[in-house]
Amino acid sequence: MTISQTRNVGLPLMKLVRWKGVPILQQLHLEEQLLRTSSENWCIINDGTNDPTIVMGISGKPAQLLKLDSVLNDRIPVIRRYTGGGTVVVDCGTVFVTFICNKDAVPGLQPYPQPIMSWSSLLYALVFRGFGDFSLRENDYVFGNHKFGGNAQSITKNRWIHHTSFLWDYEARNMAYLKLPARAPEYRVARDHLEFICRMKDYMPRSVFVDRTIKAVETYFSVRPVQLEAMETNLNSKFSHSTKLLTEQELEAAAFESHFEKGLSHSL
């Protein structure tokens, strides 16, 4: 038995799935199904999604969050996911990390949003030790006062999920699809997107981040790698997902509503 195996004796099992370039819609569908139908703990690391995609929280309204004329003109897919949280533009420069856990998986952790967020920051403090001034600020992961990781959660009776989109890199032009949100963290102080965020690649190599994340997870769980194919054989193909790709008609209707309300406010 190796030293690593000895250290992990007695820790709860967590299945680890490592992907590269899996479409974000497919990832969200699998996450939601694992949250609601599995009884196991999961960590999913997806290194990028190939096509630029906008992902909104479950209550997100496109007219309030997106510059819809540009989104429609450039045919950017828009997804409304099953968890809360804000709106992000993801692409091949985004690294996704997801934890899906039973409520008793982490001893002493209360299954509520803030305790889960605080626990996650302790785990990532291990990952970023020696790389930048990492902290958790108002539910965001930051270096200093610049955001590089956005979080969202969902909590059920017996399980919870915490997932993060990490900006290892980003295309500045993609940030132009987003409006300045009406509700923003205080530390943002009305900065636009490019002044508010930063690139992880300026702080640490991509492969180092992934390797250190897995190592940090091993302080809380006994990690067992599994393949995507093995997962899919155990999933119910008839599961009804709440994560949806918005149709062009839905986006056009939201754009019309936005233009109508803008015209109405001007006339008043």
Protein backbone atom coordinates (compact mmCIF):
# COMPACT_ATOMS: atom_id res chain seq x y z
CA MET A 1 0.00 0.00 0.00
CA THR A 2 1.42 3.40 -1.03
CA ILE A 3 1.66 6.42 1.25
CA SER A 4 -1.15 8.08 -0.75
CA GLN A 5 -3.38 5.04 -0.34
CA THR A 6 -2.65 4.89 3.39
CA ARG A 7 -3.58 8.53 3.79
CA ASN A 8 -6.90 7.96 2.01
CA VAL A 9 -8.03 5.02 4.16
CA GLY A 10 -11.29 5.94 5.89
CA LEU A 11 -12.07 8.87 3.59
CA PRO A 12 -15.35 8.83 1.63
CA LEU A 13 -15.12 7.70 -1.98
CA MET A 14 -15.27 10.29 -4.75
CA LYS A 15 -15.40 9.30 -8.40
CA LEU A 16 -13.27 11.53 -10.63
CA VAL A 17 -14.14 12.22 -14.25
CA ARG A 18 -11.61 14.08 -16.42
CA TRP A 19 -12.78 15.42 -19.74
CA LYS A 20 -11.31 17.64 -22.41
CA GLY A 21 -13.54 19.75 -24.61
CA VAL A 22 -16.87 18.14 -23.70
CA PRO A 23 -19.69 20.55 -24.75
CA ILE A 24 -20.95 22.48 -21.75
CA LEU A 25 -24.58 21.51 -22.42
CA GLN A 26 -23.64 17.81 -22.26
CA GLN A 27 -21.71 18.42 -19.05
CA LEU A 28 -24.60 20.25 -17.38
CA HIS A 29 -27.04 17.51 -18.37
CA LEU A 30 -24.79 14.82 -16.87
CA GLU A 31 -24.21 16.85 -13.71
CA GLU A 32 -27.90 17.37 -13.11
CA GLN A 33 -28.66 13.70 -13.60
CA LEU A 34 -25.87 12.65 -11.23
CA LEU A 35 -27.11 15.12 -8.63
CA ARG A 36 -30.67 13.83 -8.75
CA THR A 37 -30.28 10.11 -9.47
CA SER A 38 -26.87 9.00 -8.15
CA SER A 39 -25.97 8.32 -4.53
CA GLU A 40 -22.21 8.65 -5.08
CA ASN A 41 -19.81 11.59 -4.72
CA TRP A 42 -18.41 12.98 -7.96
CA CYS A 43 -15.74 15.40 -9.12
CA ILE A 44 -15.87 16.42 -12.78
CA ILE A 45 -13.03 18.35 -14.42
CA ASN A 46 -13.70 19.47 -17.98
CA ASP A 47 -10.77 21.21 -19.63
CA GLY A 48 -12.54 23.62 -21.98
CA THR A 49 -15.61 23.57 -24.18
CA ASN A 50 -15.00 24.04 -27.87
CA ASP A 51 -17.62 26.58 -28.96
CA PRO A 52 -18.20 29.94 -27.22
CA THR A 53 -21.44 29.61 -25.23
CA ILE A 54 -23.34 31.84 -22.82
CA VAL A 55 -24.58 30.11 -19.67
CA MET A 56 -27.17 31.81 -17.42
CA GLY A 57 -28.44 30.83 -13.98
CA ILE A 58 -31.83 29.21 -13.53
CA SER A 59 -33.59 32.56 -13.01
CA GLY A 60 -31.58 34.48 -15.60
CA LYS A 61 -33.48 36.74 -18.02
CA PRO A 62 -31.74 37.24 -21.39
CA ALA A 63 -33.12 40.76 -21.91
CA GLN A 64 -31.58 41.92 -18.63
CA LEU A 65 -28.26 40.10 -18.90
CA LEU A 66 -27.30 39.95 -22.58
CA LYS A 67 -26.71 42.26 -25.51
CA LEU A 68 -29.13 40.24 -27.55
CA ASP A 69 -28.65 41.91 -30.93
CA SER A 70 -24.98 40.87 -30.90
CA VAL A 71 -25.79 37.41 -29.51
CA LEU A 72 -28.34 36.76 -32.25
CA ASN A 73 -26.19 38.26 -35.01
CA ASP A 74 -23.21 36.09 -34.06
CA ARG A 75 -25.40 33.04 -33.36
CA ILE A 76 -23.96 32.45 -29.88
CA PRO A 77 -25.73 29.58 -28.06
CA VAL A 78 -27.43 30.55 -24.78
CA ILE A 79 -28.09 27.98 -22.05
CA ARG A 80 -30.20 28.36 -18.92
CA ARG A 81 -28.70 25.94 -16.41
CA TYR A 82 -30.29 24.15 -13.45
CA THR A 83 -28.29 25.99 -10.76
CA GLY A 84 -28.39 29.58 -9.51
CA GLY A 85 -25.60 32.10 -9.91
CA GLY A 86 -24.65 34.57 -12.58
CA THR A 87 -24.05 34.60 -16.31
CA VAL A 88 -20.78 33.52 -17.94
CA VAL A 89 -19.34 33.20 -21.43
CA VAL A 90 -17.40 29.94 -21.69
CA ASP A 91 -15.12 28.54 -24.39
CA CYS A 92 -11.91 26.58 -24.86
CA GLY A 93 -10.18 28.87 -22.34
CA THR A 94 -12.53 27.88 -19.51
CA VAL A 95 -11.76 25.07 -17.07
CA PHE A 96 -14.80 23.61 -15.31
CA VAL A 97 -14.65 21.91 -11.91
CA THR A 98 -17.72 20.36 -10.30
CA PHE A 99 -18.32 18.70 -6.94
CA ILE A 100 -21.47 16.61 -6.45
CA CYS A 101 -21.70 15.29 -2.92
CA ASN A 102 -23.94 13.61 -0.39
CA LYS A 103 -24.79 15.97 2.46
CA ASP A 104 -22.69 13.95 4.93
CA ALA A 105 -19.67 13.53 2.63
CA VAL A 106 -17.59 16.24 4.33
CA PRO A 107 -17.69 15.85 8.13
CA GLY A 108 -19.07 18.91 9.88
CA LEU A 109 -20.09 20.66 6.67
CA GLN A 110 -23.63 22.03 6.83
CA PRO A 111 -25.45 21.59 3.49
CA TYR A 112 -26.20 25.29 2.98
CA PRO A 113 -24.82 27.73 0.39
CA GLN A 114 -22.35 29.69 2.51
CA PRO A 115 -20.77 26.75 4.36
CA ILE A 116 -20.31 24.91 1.05
CA MET A 117 -18.78 28.04 -0.50
CA SER A 118 -16.42 28.46 2.46
CA TRP A 119 -15.37 24.79 2.28
CA SER A 120 -14.62 25.15 -1.42
CA SER A 121 -12.41 28.16 -0.73
CA LEU A 122 -10.38 26.09 1.74
CA LEU A 123 -9.87 23.42 -0.89
CA TYR A 124 -8.83 25.93 -3.54
CA ALA A 125 -6.54 27.70 -1.09
CA LEU A 126 -4.49 24.49 -1.24
CA VAL A 127 -4.56 24.60 -5.04
CA PHE A 128 -3.41 28.21 -5.33
CA ARG A 129 -0.92 28.25 -2.47
CA GLY A 130 2.13 30.07 -3.80
CA PHE A 131 0.26 31.35 -6.88
CA GLY A 132 -1.22 34.83 -6.46
CA ASP A 133 -3.27 36.44 -3.71
CA PHE A 134 -6.19 34.00 -3.71
CA SER A 135 -9.36 34.57 -1.70
CA LEU A 136 -13.14 34.12 -1.73
CA ARG A 137 -14.92 37.46 -2.12
CA GLU A 138 -18.70 37.60 -2.13
CA ASN A 139 -19.00 34.12 -3.67
CA ASP A 140 -16.30 34.73 -6.30
CA TYR A 141 -12.77 33.36 -6.45
CA VAL A 142 -10.34 36.24 -6.90
CA PHE A 143 -6.69 37.11 -7.14
CA GLY A 144 -6.53 40.41 -5.29
CA ASN A 145 -9.71 42.14 -6.43
CA HIS A 146 -9.95 40.51 -9.86
CA LYS A 147 -12.35 37.64 -10.43
CA PHE A 148 -11.22 34.48 -12.20
CA GLY A 149 -13.76 31.92 -10.96
CA GLY A 150 -17.56 32.08 -10.90
CA ASN A 151 -19.55 29.67 -8.73
CA ALA A 152 -23.07 28.25 -8.71
CA GLN A 153 -24.84 25.71 -6.52
CA SER A 154 -27.91 23.58 -6.12
CA ILE A 155 -28.90 21.82 -2.90
CA THR A 156 -31.42 19.00 -2.69
CA LYS A 157 -32.71 17.08 0.32
CA ASN A 158 -29.72 14.76 0.55
CA ARG A 159 -27.16 16.11 -1.90
CA TRP A 160 -25.50 19.27 -3.17
CA ILE A 161 -23.53 20.47 -6.16
CA HIS A 162 -20.95 23.23 -6.35
CA HIS A 163 -19.56 24.00 -9.78
CA THR A 164 -17.11 26.61 -11.00
CA SER A 165 -16.06 28.04 -14.34
CA PHE A 166 -12.42 29.12 -14.13
CA LEU A 167 -11.15 31.74 -16.57
CA TRP A 168 -7.78 30.28 -17.48
CA ASP A 169 -8.04 32.50 -20.57
CA TYR A 170 -10.76 34.41 -22.38
CA GLU A 171 -11.47 36.31 -25.59
CA ALA A 172 -12.14 39.96 -24.82
CA ARG A 173 -14.69 40.18 -27.63
CA ASN A 174 -16.83 37.48 -25.97
CA MET A 175 -17.23 39.61 -22.84
CA ALA A 176 -19.00 42.21 -24.98
CA TYR A 177 -22.07 39.94 -25.13
CA LEU A 178 -22.73 40.58 -21.43
CA LYS A 179 -24.48 43.57 -19.93
CA LEU A 180 -23.36 44.99 -16.61
CA PRO A 181 -25.64 43.11 -14.19
CA ALA A 182 -28.12 45.08 -12.08
CA ARG A 183 -26.93 43.16 -9.02
CA ALA A 184 -23.17 42.93 -8.71
CA PRO A 185 -20.76 42.27 -5.82
CA GLU A 186 -19.72 45.37 -3.93
CA TYR A 187 -16.04 44.82 -4.65
CA ARG A 188 -16.76 45.16 -8.37
CA VAL A 189 -17.47 48.91 -7.84
CA ALA A 190 -19.08 49.26 -11.29
CA ARG A 191 -15.99 48.07 -13.19
CA ASP A 192 -16.70 46.75 -16.66
CA HIS A 193 -16.04 43.09 -17.41
CA LEU A 194 -12.47 43.47 -18.65
CA GLU A 195 -11.45 45.55 -15.63
CA PHE A 196 -13.20 43.14 -13.25
CA ILE A 197 -11.76 39.78 -14.36
CA CYS A 198 -8.31 38.32 -14.85
CA ARG A 199 -6.72 35.35 -16.58
CA MET A 200 -5.51 32.38 -14.54
CA LYS A 201 -2.79 31.74 -17.11
CA ASP A 202 -1.00 34.83 -15.80
CA TYR A 203 -0.65 33.06 -12.44
CA MET A 204 -0.18 29.32 -13.03
CA PRO A 205 0.05 26.72 -15.83
CA ARG A 206 -3.17 24.99 -16.84
CA SER A 207 -1.92 21.46 -16.20
CA VAL A 208 -0.60 22.48 -12.77
CA PHE A 209 -4.04 23.79 -11.83
CA VAL A 210 -5.73 20.51 -12.78
CA ASP A 211 -3.12 18.36 -11.03
CA ARG A 212 -3.18 20.44 -7.86
CA THR A 213 -6.99 20.41 -7.81
CA ILE A 214 -7.01 16.60 -7.83
CA LYS A 215 -4.36 16.55 -5.10
CA ALA A 216 -6.44 18.94 -2.98
CA VAL A 217 -9.54 16.77 -3.43
CA GLU A 218 -7.52 13.82 -2.10
CA THR A 219 -7.23 15.56 1.28
CA TYR A 220 -11.01 15.11 1.71
CA PHE A 221 -11.83 12.05 -0.40
CA SER A 222 -10.49 8.74 -1.63
CA VAL A 223 -10.45 9.46 -5.37
CA ARG A 224 -11.25 6.83 -8.00
CA PRO A 225 -10.95 7.82 -11.70
CA VAL A 226 -13.77 6.66 -14.00
CA GLN A 227 -14.37 7.01 -17.74
CA LEU A 228 -17.22 8.88 -19.41
CA GLU A 229 -18.40 5.70 -21.15
CA ALA A 230 -18.71 3.89 -17.82
CA MET A 231 -20.84 6.75 -16.48
CA GLU A 232 -23.20 6.88 -19.42
CA THR A 233 -24.06 3.18 -19.26
CA ASN A 234 -25.49 3.72 -15.76
CA LEU A 235 -27.56 6.82 -16.61
CA ASN A 236 -31.24 6.84 -17.48
CA SER A 237 -31.68 8.17 -21.01
CA LYS A 238 -35.25 9.24 -20.16
CA PHE A 239 -34.19 11.66 -17.40
CA SER A 240 -35.86 15.07 -17.84
CA HIS A 241 -33.27 17.86 -17.62
CA SER A 242 -34.14 21.38 -16.51
CA THR A 243 -31.02 22.77 -18.21
CA LYS A 244 -32.13 24.04 -21.62
CA LEU A 245 -30.62 25.52 -24.75
CA LEU A 246 -32.72 28.59 -25.51
CA THR A 247 -34.19 28.68 -29.00
CA GLU A 248 -33.61 31.46 -31.49
CA GLN A 249 -37.29 32.32 -31.18
CA GLU A 250 -36.97 32.72 -27.41
CA LEU A 251 -33.99 35.03 -27.83
CA GLU A 252 -35.74 37.06 -30.53
CA ALA A 253 -38.78 37.46 -28.27
CA ALA A 254 -36.53 38.63 -25.42
CA ALA A 255 -34.81 41.11 -27.76
CA PHE A 256 -38.19 42.46 -28.89
CA GLU A 257 -39.27 42.86 -25.28
CA SER A 258 -36.04 44.69 -24.48
CA HIS A 259 -36.44 47.10 -27.42
CA PHE A 260 -40.11 47.69 -26.54
CA GLU A 261 -39.32 48.51 -22.91
CA LYS A 262 -36.47 50.79 -23.95
CA GLY A 263 -38.74 52.64 -26.38
CA LEU A 264 -41.46 52.92 -23.78
CA SER A 265 -39.09 54.39 -21.20
CA HIS A 266 -37.85 56.95 -23.71
CA SER A 267 -41.36 58.02 -24.61
CA LEU A 268 -42.20 58.50 -20.93
